[in-house]
Amino acid sequence: MSGSYVTDVCDLRDLLGPFPCPLHIARLLAEPTNVDLWAEMIPPDAFEFDGMTMITPVEVTAHEVISRLKNDPSGF
């Protein structure tokens, strides 16, 4: 399923201080699926969300997903 997200009425507060340094950011971007690394460098309890996010889901068929993957595997 895909869709669109509206976060205009959502505020994010940093509770622990400065974001990781550029070297840490580069490491995170090099390993985008390493959940443990992300949780270590950016602990989930370091942030507080206030407000709401609106999500508009769009259902797609398996055929469309396969077609999109063939055309642009990084586009998902």
N, C-alpha and C. Protein backbone atom coordinates (compact mmCIF):
# COMPACT_ATOMS: atom_id res chain seq x y z
N MET A 1 0.84 -1.16 0.00
CA MET A 1 0.00 0.00 0.00
C MET A 1 0.90 1.24 0.00
N SER A 2 0.52 2.22 -0.74
CA SER A 2 1.24 3.48 -0.76
C SER A 2 0.27 4.58 -0.39
N GLY A 3 0.75 5.81 -0.36
CA GLY A 3 -0.16 6.90 -0.02
C GLY A 3 0.59 8.20 0.18
N SER A 4 -0.11 9.16 0.75
CA SER A 4 0.51 10.45 1.02
C SER A 4 0.36 10.78 2.50
N TYR A 5 1.27 11.60 2.99
CA TYR A 5 1.29 11.96 4.40
C TYR A 5 1.29 13.48 4.54
N VAL A 6 0.49 13.99 5.45
CA VAL A 6 0.46 15.42 5.74
C VAL A 6 0.86 15.58 7.21
N THR A 7 1.96 16.29 7.43
CA THR A 7 2.47 16.46 8.79
C THR A 7 2.45 17.93 9.21
N ASP A 8 1.63 18.73 8.56
CA ASP A 8 1.59 20.17 8.85
C ASP A 8 1.17 20.47 10.28
N VAL A 9 0.41 19.59 10.89
CA VAL A 9 -0.07 19.83 12.25
C VAL A 9 0.65 18.93 13.26
N CYS A 10 1.90 18.59 12.95
CA CYS A 10 2.69 17.74 13.82
C CYS A 10 3.96 18.48 14.22
N ASP A 11 4.24 18.50 15.51
CA ASP A 11 5.44 19.15 16.01
C ASP A 11 6.35 18.08 16.62
N LEU A 12 7.61 18.13 16.30
CA LEU A 12 8.58 17.18 16.81
C LEU A 12 9.53 17.92 17.75
N ARG A 13 9.64 17.42 18.98
CA ARG A 13 10.55 18.04 19.96
C ARG A 13 11.70 17.11 20.25
N ASP A 14 12.91 17.66 20.21
CA ASP A 14 14.12 16.92 20.55
C ASP A 14 14.32 17.04 22.05
N LEU A 15 14.30 15.91 22.77
CA LEU A 15 14.38 15.93 24.22
C LEU A 15 15.79 15.74 24.76
N LEU A 16 16.73 15.23 23.94
CA LEU A 16 18.05 14.88 24.45
C LEU A 16 19.20 15.76 23.97
N GLY A 17 18.96 16.67 23.08
CA GLY A 17 20.06 17.54 22.67
C GLY A 17 20.41 17.40 21.20
N PRO A 18 21.68 17.67 20.86
CA PRO A 18 22.08 17.76 19.45
C PRO A 18 21.97 16.44 18.70
N PHE A 19 21.69 16.58 17.43
CA PHE A 19 21.62 15.45 16.51
C PHE A 19 23.02 14.87 16.32
N PRO A 20 23.14 13.60 15.91
CA PRO A 20 24.47 13.02 15.69
C PRO A 20 25.32 13.85 14.72
N CYS A 21 26.62 13.73 14.88
CA CYS A 21 27.58 14.47 14.04
C CYS A 21 27.52 13.97 12.60
N PRO A 22 28.13 14.72 11.66
CA PRO A 22 28.10 14.32 10.24
C PRO A 22 28.63 12.90 9.98
N LEU A 23 29.61 12.44 10.75
CA LEU A 23 30.11 11.07 10.56
C LEU A 23 29.04 10.03 10.92
N HIS A 24 28.33 10.30 12.00
CA HIS A 24 27.25 9.39 12.39
C HIS A 24 26.12 9.41 11.36
N ILE A 25 25.82 10.59 10.85
CA ILE A 25 24.77 10.70 9.83
C ILE A 25 25.15 9.90 8.59
N ALA A 26 26.43 9.99 8.17
CA ALA A 26 26.90 9.23 7.01
C ALA A 26 26.76 7.73 7.26
N ARG A 27 27.08 7.29 8.47
CA ARG A 27 26.95 5.87 8.80
C ARG A 27 25.49 5.43 8.76
N LEU A 28 24.60 6.26 9.29
CA LEU A 28 23.17 5.94 9.26
C LEU A 28 22.66 5.83 7.83
N LEU A 29 23.06 6.78 6.99
CA LEU A 29 22.61 6.76 5.60
C LEU A 29 23.19 5.58 4.83
N ALA A 30 24.36 5.10 5.25
CA ALA A 30 24.97 3.94 4.60
C ALA A 30 24.26 2.64 5.00
N GLU A 31 23.56 2.66 6.13
CA GLU A 31 22.86 1.47 6.61
C GLU A 31 21.41 1.80 6.96
N PRO A 32 20.60 2.16 5.96
CA PRO A 32 19.23 2.62 6.24
C PRO A 32 18.31 1.55 6.82
N THR A 33 18.64 0.28 6.67
CA THR A 33 17.77 -0.78 7.18
C THR A 33 18.26 -1.37 8.50
N ASN A 34 19.34 -0.86 9.05
CA ASN A 34 19.88 -1.37 10.31
C ASN A 34 19.15 -0.68 11.47
N VAL A 35 18.04 -1.26 11.88
CA VAL A 35 17.18 -0.65 12.90
C VAL A 35 17.92 -0.50 14.23
N ASP A 36 18.73 -1.48 14.58
CA ASP A 36 19.47 -1.41 15.84
C ASP A 36 20.43 -0.23 15.86
N LEU A 37 21.12 0.01 14.75
CA LEU A 37 22.04 1.14 14.66
C LEU A 37 21.29 2.46 14.79
N TRP A 38 20.16 2.58 14.09
CA TRP A 38 19.36 3.80 14.15
C TRP A 38 18.85 4.05 15.57
N ALA A 39 18.38 2.99 16.22
CA ALA A 39 17.87 3.14 17.58
C ALA A 39 18.98 3.51 18.56
N GLU A 40 20.19 3.03 18.29
CA GLU A 40 21.33 3.37 19.15
C GLU A 40 21.73 4.84 18.98
N MET A 41 21.82 5.30 17.74
CA MET A 41 22.29 6.66 17.48
C MET A 41 21.19 7.71 17.65
N ILE A 42 19.95 7.32 17.39
CA ILE A 42 18.82 8.23 17.55
C ILE A 42 17.76 7.49 18.35
N PRO A 43 17.90 7.46 19.67
CA PRO A 43 16.96 6.70 20.49
C PRO A 43 15.52 7.20 20.32
N PRO A 44 14.57 6.28 20.16
CA PRO A 44 13.18 6.68 19.96
C PRO A 44 12.63 7.55 21.09
N ASP A 45 13.10 7.33 22.32
CA ASP A 45 12.59 8.14 23.43
C ASP A 45 13.28 9.49 23.53
N ALA A 46 14.09 9.84 22.54
CA ALA A 46 14.74 11.14 22.50
C ALA A 46 13.83 12.20 21.85
N PHE A 47 12.67 11.77 21.36
CA PHE A 47 11.77 12.68 20.65
C PHE A 47 10.37 12.58 21.21
N GLU A 48 9.66 13.68 21.08
CA GLU A 48 8.26 13.71 21.47
C GLU A 48 7.47 14.31 20.32
N PHE A 49 6.44 13.61 19.90
CA PHE A 49 5.56 14.08 18.84
C PHE A 49 4.32 14.68 19.47
N ASP A 50 3.90 15.82 18.95
CA ASP A 50 2.69 16.47 19.42
C ASP A 50 1.89 16.87 18.20
N GLY A 51 0.63 16.55 18.17
CA GLY A 51 -0.21 16.89 17.03
C GLY A 51 -0.72 15.63 16.36
N MET A 52 -0.91 15.70 15.07
CA MET A 52 -1.41 14.54 14.34
C MET A 52 -0.85 14.52 12.93
N THR A 53 -0.87 13.36 12.34
CA THR A 53 -0.45 13.17 10.96
C THR A 53 -1.62 12.57 10.21
N MET A 54 -1.90 13.11 9.04
CA MET A 54 -2.98 12.58 8.22
C MET A 54 -2.38 11.72 7.11
N ILE A 55 -2.89 10.51 6.99
CA ILE A 55 -2.39 9.57 5.99
C ILE A 55 -3.53 9.23 5.04
N THR A 56 -3.24 9.29 3.74
CA THR A 56 -4.21 8.90 2.73
C THR A 56 -3.65 7.66 2.03
N PRO A 57 -4.11 6.47 2.43
CA PRO A 57 -3.57 5.25 1.80
C PRO A 57 -4.15 5.03 0.41
N VAL A 58 -3.34 4.44 -0.45
CA VAL A 58 -3.77 4.10 -1.80
C VAL A 58 -3.39 2.65 -2.03
N GLU A 59 -4.39 1.81 -2.27
CA GLU A 59 -4.12 0.40 -2.49
C GLU A 59 -3.66 0.19 -3.93
N VAL A 60 -2.65 -0.64 -4.09
CA VAL A 60 -2.14 -0.96 -5.43
C VAL A 60 -2.17 -2.47 -5.60
N THR A 61 -2.27 -2.89 -6.85
CA THR A 61 -2.30 -4.32 -7.13
C THR A 61 -0.89 -4.88 -7.16
N ALA A 62 -0.79 -6.19 -7.02
CA ALA A 62 0.52 -6.85 -7.10
C ALA A 62 1.17 -6.58 -8.45
N HIS A 63 0.37 -6.55 -9.50
CA HIS A 63 0.89 -6.28 -10.85
C HIS A 63 1.55 -4.90 -10.90
N GLU A 64 0.91 -3.91 -10.30
CA GLU A 64 1.47 -2.55 -10.30
C GLU A 64 2.77 -2.49 -9.50
N VAL A 65 2.82 -3.18 -8.38
CA VAL A 65 4.03 -3.20 -7.56
C VAL A 65 5.19 -3.80 -8.36
N ILE A 66 4.94 -4.92 -9.01
CA ILE A 66 5.99 -5.57 -9.81
C ILE A 66 6.43 -4.66 -10.93
N SER A 67 5.49 -4.01 -11.57
CA SER A 67 5.83 -3.08 -12.66
C SER A 67 6.70 -1.93 -12.17
N ARG A 68 6.33 -1.35 -11.00
CA ARG A 68 7.12 -0.25 -10.45
C ARG A 68 8.53 -0.70 -10.08
N LEU A 69 8.64 -1.91 -9.51
CA LEU A 69 9.95 -2.44 -9.13
C LEU A 69 10.83 -2.66 -10.35
N LYS A 70 10.24 -3.12 -11.45
CA LYS A 70 11.00 -3.33 -12.67
C LYS A 70 11.50 -2.00 -13.25
N ASN A 71 10.65 -0.98 -13.19
CA ASN A 71 11.00 0.32 -13.76
C ASN A 71 11.96 1.12 -12.89
N ASP A 72 11.78 1.06 -11.59
CA ASP A 72 12.62 1.84 -10.67
C ASP A 72 12.68 1.14 -9.31
N PRO A 73 13.61 0.19 -9.13
CA PRO A 73 13.66 -0.58 -7.89
C PRO A 73 13.88 0.27 -6.64
N SER A 74 14.45 1.44 -6.79
CA SER A 74 14.70 2.29 -5.61
C SER A 74 13.53 3.22 -5.32
N GLY A 75 12.49 3.20 -6.13
CA GLY A 75 11.39 4.13 -6.00
C GLY A 75 10.34 3.78 -4.98
N PHE A 76 10.50 2.67 -4.29
CA PHE A 76 9.51 2.27 -3.31
C PHE A 76 9.88 2.69 -1.96
